[in-house]
Amino acid sequence: MSAIQKSSAVTRALEAKCLALERENLKLHRRIAKLEADLVSARNGEIARLENTPPEKLTDEELTYLIRKSERKRGRRKNESQ
């Protein structure tokens, strides 16, 4: 096998490895996107649960979270109206 043939074979092997890595990278990015979407969904579900729970049944931490969230919303609305 000549040096040119060896070089071509190495190039083809590297290109195949690169394609395999790109496919794996794409799979990982899709998985990350799905996990991020699941996290947002779970967080939104938890927030909805907190908002629909009577205040007396919430912990101090949960109440504090809802109060701060409400204050942030009011601050945003105030800034939008200016």
Foldseek 3Di string as FASTA:
>chain_A
DDPVVVVVVVVVVVVVVVVVVVVVVVVVVVVVVVVVVVVVVVVVVVLVVLVPDPPVPDDPVSVVVVVVVVVVVVVVVVVVVD
